[in-house]
Structure formats: C-alpha cells, structure tokens
Amino acid sequence: LYTARMPSSYKAGDGKVVRLFEDYVPVERAYYRETGLFPIMHAVAIRREVYEENRWVAQTLFKAFCEAQRLTYEDLAETAALKAMLPWANAHVEEAVREMGPDWWPYGFEKNRATLATFLRYHHEQGLSKRLLEPEDLFAPETLESFKI
C-alpha cells in the first residue's frame, strides 16, 4: 500500500499492517541517491468536458499551484514563526535542501519526466496497462511546457 494517509489499522499498532521497510527513511534516501527519483505524491485531474470548453484552465491551474508551492517553500524557510509545531523543523528543511536541492517537490512536466516514465514502466511491467504509455500521454498539451510572461 502506497498512500499519503497512514491507514488506521497501522496507527492501531495491532501488527496486521506493517511498513515494508521498518526504517524507511534511509531506504528512501538510498533509492533517491541511486536513481534521482522520489515518488510523486499527487496529480490533478480536470474533467474532459471542462478542459475542452476552457483550454486555458490546465496552464492556469498549473501556475496557481506553482505559486502556492513557492509560498510554501518560503514559509518553510521562515525561522521567526514556524508553520508547524515540529521540533527541529528548520533542521528537517535544511536537510531536505542538502539532500534534494531547494525544489524537493518539483512541479512541471520536464522536471518529473524520469519519475513519470519509471512509474509508467512499472505500471506496464506489472500488467496494469496494456501498452507502455509515454509521460506525454497523461497531460494536457498546454502543461508540457512551462514559461513565464
């Protein structure tokens, strides 16, 4: 199970659900160092009819998410008033930057091409798709390139 939300059965601690790797952080770091890949957490879908009637919506949403991310990175770097009650929050941010660079959750097609291609290859190899899809097959053409005006 790969999920953003911890299952309640895991939280209960009854042993029915366990982590694949008990000490997962070093394992994930080693995978990242070896491959340069870190699994994508979310994708945004737009109903086809909404997209077809408003071709501008995909790029506009992308730009809005990029701005939200910029503000989040800015907030995480703030040391005067922490955004989370997490001990050593600043140290965690600094460590992520050292390990993964200042944009550890990169947005945009090109920045995620290798991760998407790997995901699609696994998807196909495991029989979840009849044919091997290309990353470009997944997105509105307007979102394949990023630009600033």
C-alpha atoms as a PDB file:
ATOM      1  CA  LEU A   1       0.000   0.000   0.000  1.00  0.00           C
ATOM      2  CA  TYR A   2       1.425   3.356  -1.023  1.00  0.00           C
ATOM      3  CA  THR A   3      -0.685   6.123   0.395  1.00  0.00           C
ATOM      4  CA  ALA A   4      -0.370   9.670   1.649  1.00  0.00           C
ATOM      5  CA  ARG A   5      -2.585   8.922   4.654  1.00  0.00           C
ATOM      6  CA  MET A   6      -1.460   6.406   7.231  1.00  0.00           C
ATOM      7  CA  PRO A   7      -4.056   3.585   7.441  1.00  0.00           C
ATOM      8  CA  SER A   8      -5.978   3.417  10.714  1.00  0.00           C
ATOM      9  CA  SER A   9      -5.013  -0.258  11.042  1.00  0.00           C
ATOM     10  CA  TYR A  10      -1.340   0.791  11.061  1.00  0.00           C
ATOM     11  CA  LYS A  11      -1.993   3.534  13.606  1.00  0.00           C
ATOM     12  CA  ALA A  12      -3.776   0.987  15.817  1.00  0.00           C
ATOM     13  CA  GLY A  13      -0.484  -0.892  16.099  1.00  0.00           C
ATOM     14  CA  ASP A  14      -2.069  -4.334  16.007  1.00  0.00           C
ATOM     15  CA  GLY A  15       0.650  -5.669  13.674  1.00  0.00           C
ATOM     16  CA  LYS A  16      -1.736  -6.501  10.817  1.00  0.00           C
ATOM     17  CA  VAL A  17      -0.286  -3.686   8.722  1.00  0.00           C
ATOM     18  CA  VAL A  18       3.448  -3.017   8.876  1.00  0.00           C
ATOM     19  CA  ARG A  19       5.906  -0.951   6.889  1.00  0.00           C
ATOM     20  CA  LEU A  20       7.690  -2.741   4.080  1.00  0.00           C
ATOM     21  CA  PHE A  21      10.898  -1.179   5.398  1.00  0.00           C
ATOM     22  CA  GLU A  22      10.775  -0.555   9.134  1.00  0.00           C
ATOM     23  CA  ASP A  23      13.470   2.109   8.980  1.00  0.00           C
ATOM     24  CA  TYR A  24      12.149   3.591   5.733  1.00  0.00           C
ATOM     25  CA  VAL A  25      13.920   6.972   5.649  1.00  0.00           C
ATOM     26  CA  PRO A  26      17.429   5.596   4.964  1.00  0.00           C
ATOM     27  CA  VAL A  27      15.967   3.206   2.368  1.00  0.00           C
ATOM     28  CA  GLU A  28      14.138   6.039   0.594  1.00  0.00           C
ATOM     29  CA  ARG A  29      17.232   8.233   0.733  1.00  0.00           C
ATOM     30  CA  ALA A  30      19.390   5.480  -0.746  1.00  0.00           C
ATOM     31  CA  TYR A  31      16.865   4.959  -3.556  1.00  0.00           C
ATOM     32  CA  TYR A  32      16.826   8.699  -4.254  1.00  0.00           C
ATOM     33  CA  ARG A  33      20.630   8.894  -4.289  1.00  0.00           C
ATOM     34  CA  GLU A  34      20.855   5.886  -6.610  1.00  0.00           C
ATOM     35  CA  THR A  35      18.099   6.861  -9.056  1.00  0.00           C
ATOM     36  CA  GLY A  36      17.444  10.581  -8.604  1.00  0.00           C
ATOM     37  CA  LEU A  37      13.764   9.647  -8.279  1.00  0.00           C
ATOM     38  CA  PHE A  38      11.382  10.439  -5.451  1.00  0.00           C
ATOM     39  CA  PRO A  39       7.792   9.227  -5.895  1.00  0.00           C
ATOM     40  CA  ILE A  40       5.271  11.838  -6.937  1.00  0.00           C
ATOM     41  CA  MET A  41       2.632  12.377  -4.273  1.00  0.00           C
ATOM     42  CA  HIS A  42      -0.297  13.882  -6.187  1.00  0.00           C
ATOM     43  CA  ALA A  43      -1.627  14.607  -9.627  1.00  0.00           C
ATOM     44  CA  VAL A  44      -4.514  16.877 -10.577  1.00  0.00           C
ATOM     45  CA  ALA A  45      -7.242  15.748 -12.952  1.00  0.00           C
ATOM     46  CA  ILE A  46      -9.582  18.002 -14.891  1.00  0.00           C
ATOM     47  CA  ARG A  47     -12.863  16.722 -16.263  1.00  0.00           C
ATOM     48  CA  ARG A  48     -12.533  16.390 -20.004  1.00  0.00           C
ATOM     49  CA  GLU A  49     -15.641  18.497 -20.694  1.00  0.00           C
ATOM     50  CA  VAL A  50     -14.307  21.317 -18.502  1.00  0.00           C
ATOM     51  CA  TYR A  51     -10.932  21.160 -20.236  1.00  0.00           C
ATOM     52  CA  GLU A  52     -12.440  21.012 -23.742  1.00  0.00           C
ATOM     53  CA  GLU A  53     -14.573  24.099 -23.058  1.00  0.00           C
ATOM     54  CA  ASN A  54     -11.771  26.004 -21.281  1.00  0.00           C
ATOM     55  CA  ARG A  55      -8.422  25.061 -22.797  1.00  0.00           C
ATOM     56  CA  TRP A  56      -6.707  27.711 -20.652  1.00  0.00           C
ATOM     57  CA  VAL A  57      -7.667  26.000 -17.382  1.00  0.00           C
ATOM     58  CA  ALA A  58      -4.808  23.456 -17.284  1.00  0.00           C
ATOM     59  CA  GLN A  59      -1.999  26.009 -17.571  1.00  0.00           C
ATOM     60  CA  THR A  60      -3.788  28.429 -15.215  1.00  0.00           C
ATOM     61  CA  LEU A  61      -4.158  25.737 -12.546  1.00  0.00           C
ATOM     62  CA  PHE A  62      -0.526  24.751 -13.001  1.00  0.00           C
ATOM     63  CA  LYS A  63       0.601  28.354 -12.494  1.00  0.00           C
ATOM     64  CA  ALA A  64      -1.593  28.666  -9.384  1.00  0.00           C
ATOM     65  CA  PHE A  65      -0.101  25.505  -7.877  1.00  0.00           C
ATOM     66  CA  CYS A  66       3.415  26.746  -8.669  1.00  0.00           C
ATOM     67  CA  GLU A  67       2.709  29.987  -6.829  1.00  0.00           C
ATOM     68  CA  ALA A  68       1.268  28.077  -3.858  1.00  0.00           C
ATOM     69  CA  GLN A  69       4.389  25.911  -3.797  1.00  0.00           C
ATOM     70  CA  ARG A  70       6.639  28.979  -3.895  1.00  0.00           C
ATOM     71  CA  LEU A  71       4.788  30.433  -0.906  1.00  0.00           C
ATOM     72  CA  THR A  72       5.040  27.110   0.949  1.00  0.00           C
ATOM     73  CA  TYR A  73       8.788  26.866   0.382  1.00  0.00           C
ATOM     74  CA  GLU A  74       9.053  30.466   1.599  1.00  0.00           C
ATOM     75  CA  ASP A  75       7.013  29.646   4.718  1.00  0.00           C
ATOM     76  CA  LEU A  76       9.115  26.572   5.464  1.00  0.00           C
ATOM     77  CA  ALA A  77      12.280  28.660   5.279  1.00  0.00           C
ATOM     78  CA  GLU A  78      10.863  31.184   7.768  1.00  0.00           C
ATOM     79  CA  THR A  79      12.601  30.833  11.126  1.00  0.00           C
ATOM     80  CA  ALA A  80      10.930  33.608  13.127  1.00  0.00           C
ATOM     81  CA  ALA A  81       7.484  31.996  13.241  1.00  0.00           C
ATOM     82  CA  LEU A  82       7.360  28.287  12.469  1.00  0.00           C
ATOM     83  CA  LYS A  83       4.420  26.970  10.437  1.00  0.00           C
ATOM     84  CA  ALA A  84       4.375  23.619  12.221  1.00  0.00           C
ATOM     85  CA  MET A  85       4.843  22.553  15.825  1.00  0.00           C
ATOM     86  CA  LEU A  86       7.575  20.138  14.816  1.00  0.00           C
ATOM     87  CA  PRO A  87      10.789  20.037  16.808  1.00  0.00           C
ATOM     88  CA  TRP A  88      13.785  20.749  14.620  1.00  0.00           C
ATOM     89  CA  ALA A  89      11.531  21.744  11.702  1.00  0.00           C
ATOM     90  CA  ASN A  90      14.217  24.067  10.342  1.00  0.00           C
ATOM     91  CA  ALA A  91      16.796  21.288  10.536  1.00  0.00           C
ATOM     92  CA  HIS A  92      14.471  18.977   8.558  1.00  0.00           C
ATOM     93  CA  VAL A  93      14.048  21.632   5.863  1.00  0.00           C
ATOM     94  CA  GLU A  94      17.801  22.249   5.706  1.00  0.00           C
ATOM     95  CA  GLU A  95      18.424  18.507   5.460  1.00  0.00           C
ATOM     96  CA  ALA A  96      15.914  18.145   2.603  1.00  0.00           C
ATOM     97  CA  VAL A  97      17.591  21.016   0.738  1.00  0.00           C
ATOM     98  CA  ARG A  98      21.039  19.464   1.230  1.00  0.00           C
ATOM     99  CA  GLU A  99      19.824  16.073   0.039  1.00  0.00           C
ATOM    100  CA  MET A 100      17.441  17.053  -2.760  1.00  0.00           C
ATOM    101  CA  GLY A 101      18.055  20.699  -3.587  1.00  0.00           C
ATOM    102  CA  PRO A 102      15.805  23.691  -2.952  1.00  0.00           C
ATOM    103  CA  ASP A 103      12.936  22.291  -5.060  1.00  0.00           C
ATOM    104  CA  TRP A 104      12.430  18.873  -3.487  1.00  0.00           C
ATOM    105  CA  TRP A 105       8.871  18.531  -4.819  1.00  0.00           C
ATOM    106  CA  PRO A 106       9.484  19.713  -8.391  1.00  0.00           C
ATOM    107  CA  TYR A 107       6.463  20.797 -10.411  1.00  0.00           C
ATOM    108  CA  GLY A 108       6.281  20.650 -14.156  1.00  0.00           C
ATOM    109  CA  PHE A 109       6.473  18.024 -16.826  1.00  0.00           C
ATOM    110  CA  GLU A 110      10.169  18.092 -17.688  1.00  0.00           C
ATOM    111  CA  LYS A 111      11.281  18.062 -14.048  1.00  0.00           C
ATOM    112  CA  ASN A 112       9.202  14.916 -13.500  1.00  0.00           C
ATOM    113  CA  ARG A 113       9.680  13.146 -16.830  1.00  0.00           C
ATOM    114  CA  ALA A 114      12.069  10.478 -15.482  1.00  0.00           C
ATOM    115  CA  THR A 115       9.855   9.726 -12.470  1.00  0.00           C
ATOM    116  CA  LEU A 116       6.750   9.506 -14.664  1.00  0.00           C
ATOM    117  CA  ALA A 117       8.497   7.272 -17.214  1.00  0.00           C
ATOM    118  CA  THR A 118       9.654   4.951 -14.423  1.00  0.00           C
ATOM    119  CA  PHE A 119       6.145   4.827 -12.937  1.00  0.00           C
ATOM    120  CA  LEU A 120       4.633   4.045 -16.346  1.00  0.00           C
ATOM    121  CA  ARG A 121       7.232   1.338 -16.989  1.00  0.00           C
ATOM    122  CA  TYR A 122       6.448  -0.313 -13.626  1.00  0.00           C
ATOM    123  CA  HIS A 123       2.721   0.080 -14.339  1.00  0.00           C
ATOM    124  CA  HIS A 124       3.094  -1.733 -17.652  1.00  0.00           C
ATOM    125  CA  GLU A 125       5.518  -4.395 -16.367  1.00  0.00           C
ATOM    126  CA  GLN A 126       3.065  -5.261 -13.595  1.00  0.00           C
ATOM    127  CA  GLY A 127       0.228  -5.723 -16.091  1.00  0.00           C
ATOM    128  CA  LEU A 128      -1.717  -2.644 -15.041  1.00  0.00           C
ATOM    129  CA  SER A 129      -1.674  -1.138 -18.542  1.00  0.00           C
ATOM    130  CA  LYS A 130      -1.987  -2.955 -21.865  1.00  0.00           C
ATOM    131  CA  ARG A 131       0.642  -0.809 -23.537  1.00  0.00           C
ATOM    132  CA  LEU A 132       3.571   1.188 -22.301  1.00  0.00           C
ATOM    133  CA  LEU A 133       2.387   4.781 -22.083  1.00  0.00           C
ATOM    134  CA  GLU A 134       4.630   7.777 -22.569  1.00  0.00           C
ATOM    135  CA  PRO A 135       4.574  10.543 -19.954  1.00  0.00           C
ATOM    136  CA  GLU A 136       3.194  12.949 -22.590  1.00  0.00           C
ATOM    137  CA  ASP A 137       0.098  10.733 -22.883  1.00  0.00           C
ATOM    138  CA  LEU A 138      -1.011  11.724 -19.389  1.00  0.00           C
ATOM    139  CA  PHE A 139      -1.205  15.500 -19.622  1.00  0.00           C
ATOM    140  CA  ALA A 140      -2.921  18.331 -21.429  1.00  0.00           C
ATOM    141  CA  PRO A 141      -0.560  19.604 -24.135  1.00  0.00           C
ATOM    142  CA  GLU A 142      -0.625  23.085 -22.582  1.00  0.00           C
ATOM    143  CA  THR A 143       1.064  21.779 -19.440  1.00  0.00           C
ATOM    144  CA  LEU A 144       4.017  20.102 -21.139  1.00  0.00           C
ATOM    145  CA  GLU A 145       5.970  23.352 -21.289  1.00  0.00           C
ATOM    146  CA  SER A 146       6.439  25.957 -18.590  1.00  0.00           C
ATOM    147  CA  PHE A 147       7.057  29.587 -19.331  1.00  0.00           C
ATOM    148  CA  LYS A 148       6.830  32.989 -17.708  1.00  0.00           C
ATOM    149  CA  ILE A 149       5.443  36.135 -19.267  1.00  0.00           C
END
